[in-house]
PDB file of N, CA and C in Angstrom:
ATOM      1  N   MET A   1     -16.364  -7.493  34.518  1.00  0.00           N
ATOM      2  CA  MET A   1     -15.193  -7.333  33.677  1.00  0.00           C
ATOM      3  C   MET A   1     -14.932  -5.843  33.498  1.00  0.00           C
ATOM      4  N   SER A   2     -13.705  -5.437  33.744  1.00  0.00           N
ATOM      5  CA  SER A   2     -13.376  -4.005  33.663  1.00  0.00           C
ATOM      6  C   SER A   2     -12.919  -3.634  32.255  1.00  0.00           C
ATOM      7  N   SER A   3     -13.070  -2.369  31.967  1.00  0.00           N
ATOM      8  CA  SER A   3     -12.710  -1.854  30.647  1.00  0.00           C
ATOM      9  C   SER A   3     -11.219  -1.537  30.598  1.00  0.00           C
ATOM     10  N   THR A   4     -10.599  -1.784  29.444  1.00  0.00           N
ATOM     11  CA  THR A   4      -9.179  -1.481  29.279  1.00  0.00           C
ATOM     12  C   THR A   4      -9.031  -0.110  28.628  1.00  0.00           C
ATOM     13  N   PRO A   5      -7.857   0.528  28.771  1.00  0.00           N
ATOM     14  CA  PRO A   5      -7.652   1.826  28.114  1.00  0.00           C
ATOM     15  C   PRO A   5      -7.810   1.759  26.595  1.00  0.00           C
ATOM     16  N   LEU A   6      -7.408   0.652  25.997  1.00  0.00           N
ATOM     17  CA  LEU A   6      -7.565   0.503  24.559  1.00  0.00           C
ATOM     18  C   LEU A   6      -9.038   0.424  24.164  1.00  0.00           C
ATOM     19  N   GLN A   7      -9.833  -0.295  24.956  1.00  0.00           N
ATOM     20  CA  GLN A   7     -11.266  -0.379  24.697  1.00  0.00           C
ATOM     21  C   GLN A   7     -11.925   0.985  24.870  1.00  0.00           C
ATOM     22  N   ASP A   8     -11.481   1.754  25.871  1.00  0.00           N
ATOM     23  CA  ASP A   8     -12.017   3.099  26.074  1.00  0.00           C
ATOM     24  C   ASP A   8     -11.706   3.998  24.892  1.00  0.00           C
ATOM     25  N   LEU A   9     -10.494   3.901  24.364  1.00  0.00           N
ATOM     26  CA  LEU A   9     -10.104   4.691  23.199  1.00  0.00           C
ATOM     27  C   LEU A   9     -10.920   4.288  21.980  1.00  0.00           C
ATOM     28  N   TRP A  10     -11.133   2.990  21.805  1.00  0.00           N
ATOM     29  CA  TRP A  10     -11.937   2.487  20.685  1.00  0.00           C
ATOM     30  C   TRP A  10     -13.375   3.028  20.769  1.00  0.00           C
ATOM     31  N   ASP A  11     -13.947   2.974  21.936  1.00  0.00           N
ATOM     32  CA  ASP A  11     -15.318   3.447  22.112  1.00  0.00           C
ATOM     33  C   ASP A  11     -15.424   4.951  21.912  1.00  0.00           C
ATOM     34  N   ALA A  12     -14.423   5.707  22.365  1.00  0.00           N
ATOM     35  CA  ALA A  12     -14.451   7.164  22.226  1.00  0.00           C
ATOM     36  C   ALA A  12     -14.290   7.595  20.774  1.00  0.00           C
ATOM     37  N   SER A  13     -13.546   6.836  19.995  1.00  0.00           N
ATOM     38  CA  SER A  13     -13.310   7.225  18.607  1.00  0.00           C
ATOM     39  C   SER A  13     -14.400   6.733  17.657  1.00  0.00           C
ATOM     40  N   ALA A  14     -15.349   5.977  18.149  1.00  0.00           N
ATOM     41  CA  ALA A  14     -16.411   5.435  17.294  1.00  0.00           C
ATOM     42  C   ALA A  14     -17.274   6.542  16.697  1.00  0.00           C
ATOM     43  N   SER A  15     -17.392   7.670  17.377  1.00  0.00           N
ATOM     44  CA  SER A  15     -18.225   8.763  16.870  1.00  0.00           C
ATOM     45  C   SER A  15     -17.457   9.730  15.977  1.00  0.00           C
ATOM     46  N   GLN A  16     -16.169   9.479  15.749  1.00  0.00           N
ATOM     47  CA  GLN A  16     -15.337  10.355  14.927  1.00  0.00           C
ATOM     48  C   GLN A  16     -14.753   9.554  13.763  1.00  0.00           C
ATOM     49  N   PRO A  17     -15.450   9.455  12.645  1.00  0.00           N
ATOM     50  CA  PRO A  17     -14.925   8.675  11.515  1.00  0.00           C
ATOM     51  C   PRO A  17     -13.691   9.328  10.906  1.00  0.00           C
ATOM     52  N   PHE A  18     -12.852   8.503  10.281  1.00  0.00           N
ATOM     53  CA  PHE A  18     -11.623   8.984   9.651  1.00  0.00           C
ATOM     54  C   PHE A  18     -11.949   9.776   8.391  1.00  0.00           C
ATOM     55  N   ALA A  19     -11.333  10.942   8.264  1.00  0.00           N
ATOM     56  CA  ALA A  19     -11.487  11.766   7.058  1.00  0.00           C
ATOM     57  C   ALA A  19     -10.093  12.060   6.519  1.00  0.00           C
ATOM     58  N   PRO A  20      -9.724  11.534   5.337  1.00  0.00           N
ATOM     59  CA  PRO A  20      -8.372  11.749   4.805  1.00  0.00           C
ATOM     60  C   PRO A  20      -8.141  13.210   4.418  1.00  0.00           C
ATOM     61  N   THR A  21      -6.881  13.608   4.426  1.00  0.00           N
ATOM     62  CA  THR A  21      -6.513  14.976   4.057  1.00  0.00           C
ATOM     63  C   THR A  21      -6.838  15.241   2.594  1.00  0.00           C
ATOM     64  N   ILE A  22      -6.479  14.307   1.728  1.00  0.00           N
ATOM     65  CA  ILE A  22      -6.783  14.400   0.297  1.00  0.00           C
ATOM     66  C   ILE A  22      -7.963  13.472   0.020  1.00  0.00           C
ATOM     67  N   ASP A  23      -9.050  14.033  -0.500  1.00  0.00           N
ATOM     68  CA  ASP A  23     -10.233  13.252  -0.782  1.00  0.00           C
ATOM     69  C   ASP A  23      -9.951  12.188  -1.838  1.00  0.00           C
ATOM     70  N   LYS A  24     -10.695  11.101  -1.783  1.00  0.00           N
ATOM     71  CA  LYS A  24     -10.502   9.990  -2.725  1.00  0.00           C
ATOM     72  C   LYS A  24     -10.631  10.450  -4.177  1.00  0.00           C
ATOM     73  N   SER A  25     -11.510  11.403  -4.442  1.00  0.00           N
ATOM     74  CA  SER A  25     -11.705  11.871  -5.815  1.00  0.00           C
ATOM     75  C   SER A  25     -10.540  12.720  -6.326  1.00  0.00           C
ATOM     76  N   GLN A  26      -9.694  13.216  -5.448  1.00  0.00           N
ATOM     77  CA  GLN A  26      -8.562  14.053  -5.833  1.00  0.00           C
ATOM     78  C   GLN A  26      -7.228  13.312  -5.827  1.00  0.00           C
ATOM     79  N   GLN A  27      -7.205  12.070  -5.389  1.00  0.00           N
ATOM     80  CA  GLN A  27      -5.941  11.346  -5.268  1.00  0.00           C
ATOM     81  C   GLN A  27      -5.251  11.122  -6.610  1.00  0.00           C
ATOM     82  N   PHE A  28      -6.018  10.870  -7.664  1.00  0.00           N
ATOM     83  CA  PHE A  28      -5.393  10.667  -8.963  1.00  0.00           C
ATOM     84  C   PHE A  28      -4.714  11.945  -9.448  1.00  0.00           C
ATOM     85  N   THR A  29      -5.372  13.079  -9.280  1.00  0.00           N
ATOM     86  CA  THR A  29      -4.808  14.361  -9.703  1.00  0.00           C
ATOM     87  C   THR A  29      -3.545  14.690  -8.911  1.00  0.00           C
ATOM     88  N   VAL A  30      -3.605  14.508  -7.618  1.00  0.00           N
ATOM     89  CA  VAL A  30      -2.434  14.784  -6.771  1.00  0.00           C
ATOM     90  C   VAL A  30      -1.294  13.834  -7.117  1.00  0.00           C
ATOM     91  N   GLY A  31      -1.594  12.557  -7.275  1.00  0.00           N
ATOM     92  CA  GLY A  31      -0.561  11.574  -7.630  1.00  0.00           C
ATOM     93  C   GLY A  31       0.076  11.868  -8.970  1.00  0.00           C
ATOM     94  N   PHE A  32      -0.744  12.198  -9.965  1.00  0.00           N
ATOM     95  CA  PHE A  32      -0.212  12.514 -11.284  1.00  0.00           C
ATOM     96  C   PHE A  32       0.656  13.774 -11.240  1.00  0.00           C
ATOM     97  N   GLY A  33       0.200  14.792 -10.516  1.00  0.00           N
ATOM     98  CA  GLY A  33       0.984  16.026 -10.388  1.00  0.00           C
ATOM     99  C   GLY A  33       2.323  15.798  -9.710  1.00  0.00           C
ATOM    100  N   LEU A  34       2.321  14.993  -8.657  1.00  0.00           N
ATOM    101  CA  LEU A  34       3.581  14.698  -7.965  1.00  0.00           C
ATOM    102  C   LEU A  34       4.528  13.878  -8.833  1.00  0.00           C
ATOM    103  N   LEU A  35       3.996  12.911  -9.577  1.00  0.00           N
ATOM    104  CA  LEU A  35       4.861  12.121 -10.457  1.00  0.00           C
ATOM    105  C   LEU A  35       5.413  12.969 -11.602  1.00  0.00           C
ATOM    106  N   PHE A  36       4.614  13.895 -12.108  1.00  0.00           N
ATOM    107  CA  PHE A  36       5.102  14.792 -13.154  1.00  0.00           C
ATOM    108  C   PHE A  36       6.192  15.725 -12.609  1.00  0.00           C
ATOM    109  N   ALA A  37       5.999  16.244 -11.389  1.00  0.00           N
ATOM    110  CA  ALA A  37       7.028  17.077 -10.762  1.00  0.00           C
ATOM    111  C   ALA A  37       8.310  16.276 -10.531  1.00  0.00           C
ATOM    112  N   ALA A  38       8.179  15.006 -10.158  1.00  0.00           N
ATOM    113  CA  ALA A  38       9.354  14.147  -9.971  1.00  0.00           C
ATOM    114  C   ALA A  38      10.103  13.972 -11.279  1.00  0.00           C
ATOM    115  N   LEU A  39       9.365  13.816 -12.361  1.00  0.00           N
ATOM    116  CA  LEU A  39      10.001  13.697 -13.677  1.00  0.00           C
ATOM    117  C   LEU A  39      10.775  14.965 -14.031  1.00  0.00           C
ATOM    118  N   LEU A  40      10.191  16.115 -13.744  1.00  0.00           N
ATOM    119  CA  LEU A  40      10.884  17.382 -14.013  1.00  0.00           C
ATOM    120  C   LEU A  40      12.142  17.538 -13.160  1.00  0.00           C
ATOM    121  N   PHE A  41      12.017  17.252 -11.867  1.00  0.00           N
ATOM    122  CA  PHE A  41      13.180  17.361 -10.981  1.00  0.00           C
ATOM    123  C   PHE A  41      14.284  16.383 -11.397  1.00  0.00           C
ATOM    124  N   THR A  42      13.904  15.192 -11.799  1.00  0.00           N
ATOM    125  CA  THR A  42      14.885  14.204 -12.233  1.00  0.00           C
ATOM    126  C   THR A  42      15.598  14.663 -13.498  1.00  0.00           C
ATOM    127  N   GLY A  43      14.854  15.226 -14.434  1.00  0.00           N
ATOM    128  CA  GLY A  43      15.462  15.747 -15.665  1.00  0.00           C
ATOM    129  C   GLY A  43      16.404  16.900 -15.392  1.00  0.00           C
ATOM    130  N   LEU A  44      15.984  17.807 -14.503  1.00  0.00           N
ATOM    131  CA  LEU A  44      16.861  18.934 -14.163  1.00  0.00           C
ATOM    132  C   LEU A  44      18.134  18.463 -13.469  1.00  0.00           C
ATOM    133  N   PHE A  45      18.016  17.468 -12.606  1.00  0.00           N
ATOM    134  CA  PHE A  45      19.208  16.945 -11.947  1.00  0.00           C
ATOM    135  C   PHE A  45      20.116  16.250 -12.950  1.00  0.00           C
ATOM    136  N   GLY A  46      19.542  15.558 -13.924  1.00  0.00           N
ATOM    137  CA  GLY A  46      20.352  14.892 -14.943  1.00  0.00           C
ATOM    138  C   GLY A  46      21.094  15.883 -15.817  1.00  0.00           C
ATOM    139  N   LEU A  47      20.475  17.025 -16.085  1.00  0.00           N
ATOM    140  CA  LEU A  47      21.134  18.043 -16.906  1.00  0.00           C
ATOM    141  C   LEU A  47      22.191  18.825 -16.139  1.00  0.00           C
ATOM    142  N   ASN A  48      21.962  19.014 -14.839  1.00  0.00           N
ATOM    143  CA  ASN A  48      22.880  19.799 -13.996  1.00  0.00           C
ATOM    144  C   ASN A  48      23.480  18.898 -12.925  1.00  0.00           C
ATOM    145  N   ASN A  49      24.156  17.855 -13.329  1.00  0.00           N
ATOM    146  CA  ASN A  49      24.655  16.858 -12.404  1.00  0.00           C
ATOM    147  C   ASN A  49      25.892  17.357 -11.658  1.00  0.00           C
ATOM    148  N   SER A  50      25.698  17.737 -10.411  1.00  0.00           N
ATOM    149  CA  SER A  50      26.805  18.083  -9.527  1.00  0.00           C
ATOM    150  C   SER A  50      26.331  17.928  -8.089  1.00  0.00           C
ATOM    151  N   LEU A  51      27.256  17.885  -7.164  1.00  0.00           N
ATOM    152  CA  LEU A  51      26.891  17.677  -5.767  1.00  0.00           C
ATOM    153  C   LEU A  51      26.131  18.860  -5.178  1.00  0.00           C
ATOM    154  N   LYS A  52      26.384  20.063  -5.700  1.00  0.00           N
ATOM    155  CA  LYS A  52      25.665  21.222  -5.152  1.00  0.00           C
ATOM    156  C   LYS A  52      24.194  21.205  -5.534  1.00  0.00           C
ATOM    157  N   ASN A  53      23.839  20.490  -6.600  1.00  0.00           N
ATOM    158  CA  ASN A  53      22.447  20.382  -7.018  1.00  0.00           C
ATOM    159  C   ASN A  53      21.718  19.214  -6.363  1.00  0.00           C
ATOM    160  N   LEU A  54      22.433  18.435  -5.560  1.00  0.00           N
ATOM    161  CA  LEU A  54      21.817  17.283  -4.918  1.00  0.00           C
ATOM    162  C   LEU A  54      20.632  17.686  -4.028  1.00  0.00           C
ATOM    163  N   PRO A  55      20.787  18.635  -3.097  1.00  0.00           N
ATOM    164  CA  PRO A  55      19.611  18.992  -2.287  1.00  0.00           C
ATOM    165  C   PRO A  55      18.574  19.804  -3.061  1.00  0.00           C
ATOM    166  N   LEU A  56      18.989  20.429  -4.143  1.00  0.00           N
ATOM    167  CA  LEU A  56      18.075  21.277  -4.908  1.00  0.00           C
ATOM    168  C   LEU A  56      17.166  20.475  -5.827  1.00  0.00           C
ATOM    169  N   TYR A  57      17.674  19.398  -6.428  1.00  0.00           N
ATOM    170  CA  TYR A  57      16.890  18.626  -7.394  1.00  0.00           C
ATOM    171  C   TYR A  57      16.649  17.169  -6.986  1.00  0.00           C
ATOM    172  N   ALA A  58      17.667  16.499  -6.484  1.00  0.00           N
ATOM    173  CA  ALA A  58      17.555  15.063  -6.230  1.00  0.00           C
ATOM    174  C   ALA A  58      16.650  14.743  -5.036  1.00  0.00           C
ATOM    175  N   VAL A  59      16.777  15.498  -3.973  1.00  0.00           N
ATOM    176  CA  VAL A  59      15.948  15.234  -2.795  1.00  0.00           C
ATOM    177  C   VAL A  59      14.472  15.497  -3.092  1.00  0.00           C
ATOM    178  N   PRO A  60      14.117  16.658  -3.685  1.00  0.00           N
ATOM    179  CA  PRO A  60      12.699  16.833  -4.035  1.00  0.00           C
ATOM    180  C   PRO A  60      12.197  15.808  -5.051  1.00  0.00           C
ATOM    181  N   ALA A  61      13.057  15.370  -5.965  1.00  0.00           N
ATOM    182  CA  ALA A  61      12.645  14.363  -6.945  1.00  0.00           C
ATOM    183  C   ALA A  61      12.294  13.055  -6.257  1.00  0.00           C
ATOM    184  N   SER A  62      13.108  12.628  -5.321  1.00  0.00           N
ATOM    185  CA  SER A  62      12.826  11.363  -4.640  1.00  0.00           C
ATOM    186  C   SER A  62      11.597  11.469  -3.745  1.00  0.00           C
ATOM    187  N   LEU A  63      11.416  12.597  -3.078  1.00  0.00           N
ATOM    188  CA  LEU A  63      10.239  12.765  -2.226  1.00  0.00           C
ATOM    189  C   LEU A  63       8.949  12.833  -3.040  1.00  0.00           C
ATOM    190  N   THR A  64       8.968  13.611  -4.119  1.00  0.00           N
ATOM    191  CA  THR A  64       7.760  13.717  -4.930  1.00  0.00           C
ATOM    192  C   THR A  64       7.441  12.387  -5.614  1.00  0.00           C
ATOM    193  N   PHE A  65       8.461  11.638  -6.010  1.00  0.00           N
ATOM    194  CA  PHE A  65       8.203  10.327  -6.605  1.00  0.00           C
ATOM    195  C   PHE A  65       7.607   9.369  -5.577  1.00  0.00           C
ATOM    196  N   GLY A  66       8.150   9.376  -4.371  1.00  0.00           N
ATOM    197  CA  GLY A  66       7.643   8.475  -3.329  1.00  0.00           C
ATOM    198  C   GLY A  66       6.197   8.747  -2.975  1.00  0.00           C
ATOM    199  N   PHE A  67       5.881  10.008  -2.690  1.00  0.00           N
ATOM    200  CA  PHE A  67       4.508  10.349  -2.336  1.00  0.00           C
ATOM    201  C   PHE A  67       3.577  10.222  -3.539  1.00  0.00           C
ATOM    202  N   GLY A  68       4.054  10.590  -4.722  1.00  0.00           N
ATOM    203  CA  GLY A  68       3.241  10.467  -5.922  1.00  0.00           C
ATOM    204  C   GLY A  68       2.906   9.019  -6.232  1.00  0.00           C
ATOM    205  N   ALA A  69       3.863   8.127  -6.039  1.00  0.00           N
ATOM    206  CA  ALA A  69       3.614   6.707  -6.295  1.00  0.00           C
ATOM    207  C   ALA A  69       2.563   6.150  -5.335  1.00  0.00           C
ATOM    208  N   VAL A  70       2.639   6.539  -4.072  1.00  0.00           N
ATOM    209  CA  VAL A  70       1.658   6.058  -3.095  1.00  0.00           C
ATOM    210  C   VAL A  70       0.271   6.595  -3.420  1.00  0.00           C
ATOM    211  N   TYR A  71       0.172   7.886  -3.742  1.00  0.00           N
ATOM    212  CA  TYR A  71      -1.133   8.454  -4.096  1.00  0.00           C
ATOM    213  C   TYR A  71      -1.690   7.806  -5.364  1.00  0.00           C
ATOM    214  N   MET A  72      -0.842   7.553  -6.337  1.00  0.00           N
ATOM    215  CA  MET A  72      -1.320   6.940  -7.581  1.00  0.00           C
ATOM    216  C   MET A  72      -1.759   5.496  -7.339  1.00  0.00           C
ATOM    217  N   ILE A  73      -1.024   4.765  -6.523  1.00  0.00           N
ATOM    218  CA  ILE A  73      -1.413   3.393  -6.190  1.00  0.00           C
ATOM    219  C   ILE A  73      -2.761   3.384  -5.490  1.00  0.00           C
ATOM    220  N   CYS A  74      -2.971   4.301  -4.550  1.00  0.00           N
ATOM    221  CA  CYS A  74      -4.255   4.375  -3.846  1.00  0.00           C
ATOM    222  C   CYS A  74      -5.369   4.838  -4.776  1.00  0.00           C
ATOM    223  N   ALA A  75      -5.043   5.727  -5.723  1.00  0.00           N
ATOM    224  CA  ALA A  75      -6.069   6.258  -6.620  1.00  0.00           C
ATOM    225  C   ALA A  75      -6.609   5.198  -7.566  1.00  0.00           C
ATOM    226  N   VAL A  76      -5.784   4.261  -7.967  1.00  0.00           N
ATOM    227  CA  VAL A  76      -6.250   3.239  -8.910  1.00  0.00           C
ATOM    228  C   VAL A  76      -6.787   2.002  -8.212  1.00  0.00           C
ATOM    229  N   GLY A  77      -6.806   2.012  -6.874  1.00  0.00           N
ATOM    230  CA  GLY A  77      -7.469   0.950  -6.138  1.00  0.00           C
ATOM    231  C   GLY A  77      -6.587  -0.144  -5.589  1.00  0.00           C
ATOM    232  N   VAL A  78      -5.284   0.023  -5.609  1.00  0.00           N
ATOM    233  CA  VAL A  78      -4.377  -0.960  -5.010  1.00  0.00           C
ATOM    234  C   VAL A  78      -3.960  -0.388  -3.666  1.00  0.00           C
ATOM    235  N   TYR A  79      -4.486  -0.928  -2.591  1.00  0.00           N
ATOM    236  CA  TYR A  79      -4.218  -0.373  -1.272  1.00  0.00           C
ATOM    237  C   TYR A  79      -2.964  -0.982  -0.675  1.00  0.00           C
ATOM    238  N   VAL A  80      -2.135  -0.108  -0.125  1.00  0.00           N
ATOM    239  CA  VAL A  80      -0.851  -0.514   0.422  1.00  0.00           C
ATOM    240  C   VAL A  80      -0.959  -0.676   1.915  1.00  0.00           C
TER     241      VAL A  80
END
Protein backbone atom coordinates (compact mmCIF):
# COMPACT_ATOMS: atom_id res chain seq x y z
CA MET A 1 0.00 0.00 0.00
CA SER A 2 1.47 3.34 -1.03
CA SER A 3 1.52 6.48 1.04
CA THR A 4 -0.67 9.45 0.09
CA PRO A 5 0.49 13.09 0.16
CA LEU A 6 -1.94 13.79 2.99
CA GLN A 7 -0.52 10.90 5.03
CA ASP A 8 3.00 12.19 4.37
CA LEU A 9 2.01 15.65 5.59
CA TRP A 10 0.38 14.14 8.69
CA ASP A 11 3.49 12.14 9.51
CA ALA A 12 5.82 15.11 8.93
CA SER A 13 3.82 17.39 11.20
CA ALA A 14 3.66 14.88 14.07
CA SER A 15 6.94 16.20 15.49
CA GLN A 16 5.78 19.85 15.39
CA PRO A 17 2.97 20.44 17.91
CA PHE A 18 0.67 23.44 17.50
CA ALA A 19 1.63 26.51 19.54
CA PRO A 20 -0.96 29.34 19.55
CA THR A 21 0.12 32.95 19.09
CA ILE A 22 -1.64 34.02 22.30
CA ASP A 23 -1.04 31.63 25.18
CA LYS A 24 -4.08 30.12 26.90
CA SER A 25 -3.25 31.98 30.12
CA GLN A 26 -3.35 35.35 28.31
CA GLN A 27 -6.56 34.87 26.31
CA PHE A 28 -8.82 36.34 28.99
CA THR A 29 -6.69 39.49 29.26
CA VAL A 30 -6.51 39.94 25.50
CA GLY A 31 -10.24 39.29 25.09
CA PHE A 32 -11.18 41.70 27.86
CA GLY A 33 -8.87 44.40 26.45
CA LEU A 34 -10.31 44.03 22.96
CA LEU A 35 -13.90 44.14 24.22
CA PHE A 36 -13.11 47.24 26.28
CA ALA A 37 -11.52 48.91 23.23
CA ALA A 38 -14.65 48.01 21.21
CA LEU A 39 -16.79 49.69 23.84
CA LEU A 40 -14.68 52.84 23.62
CA PHE A 41 -14.74 52.91 19.82
CA THR A 42 -18.50 52.35 19.82
CA GLY A 43 -19.03 55.21 22.28
CA LEU A 44 -16.83 57.55 20.26
CA PHE A 45 -18.71 56.68 17.08
CA GLY A 46 -22.03 57.28 18.84
CA LEU A 47 -20.90 60.71 19.99
CA ASN A 48 -19.40 61.69 16.61
CA ASN A 49 -21.91 60.11 14.27
CA SER A 50 -21.04 60.99 10.69
CA LEU A 51 -19.90 59.15 7.58
CA LYS A 52 -16.36 60.53 7.81
CA ASN A 53 -15.98 58.82 11.20
CA LEU A 54 -17.10 55.46 9.85
CA PRO A 55 -13.60 54.14 9.01
CA LEU A 56 -12.10 55.88 12.05
CA TYR A 57 -14.41 54.45 14.74
CA ALA A 58 -16.95 51.96 13.39
CA VAL A 59 -14.59 49.63 11.54
CA PRO A 60 -12.13 49.27 14.45
CA ALA A 61 -15.08 48.83 16.84
CA SER A 62 -16.49 45.94 14.85
CA LEU A 63 -13.10 44.28 14.40
CA THR A 64 -12.11 44.59 18.05
CA PHE A 65 -15.52 43.30 19.14
CA GLY A 66 -15.30 40.31 16.79
CA PHE A 67 -11.81 39.25 17.83
CA GLY A 68 -12.45 40.10 21.48
CA ALA A 69 -15.59 37.96 21.55
CA VAL A 70 -13.75 34.97 20.09
CA TYR A 71 -10.85 35.33 22.54
CA MET A 72 -13.24 35.70 25.47
CA ILE A 73 -15.27 32.66 24.38
CA CYS A 74 -12.08 30.60 24.14
CA ALA A 75 -10.79 31.96 27.46
CA VAL A 76 -13.83 30.81 29.41
CA GLY A 77 -13.77 27.34 27.86
CA VAL A 78 -16.42 27.44 25.13
CA TYR A 79 -14.60 26.32 22.01
CA VAL A 80 -15.86 27.53 18.66
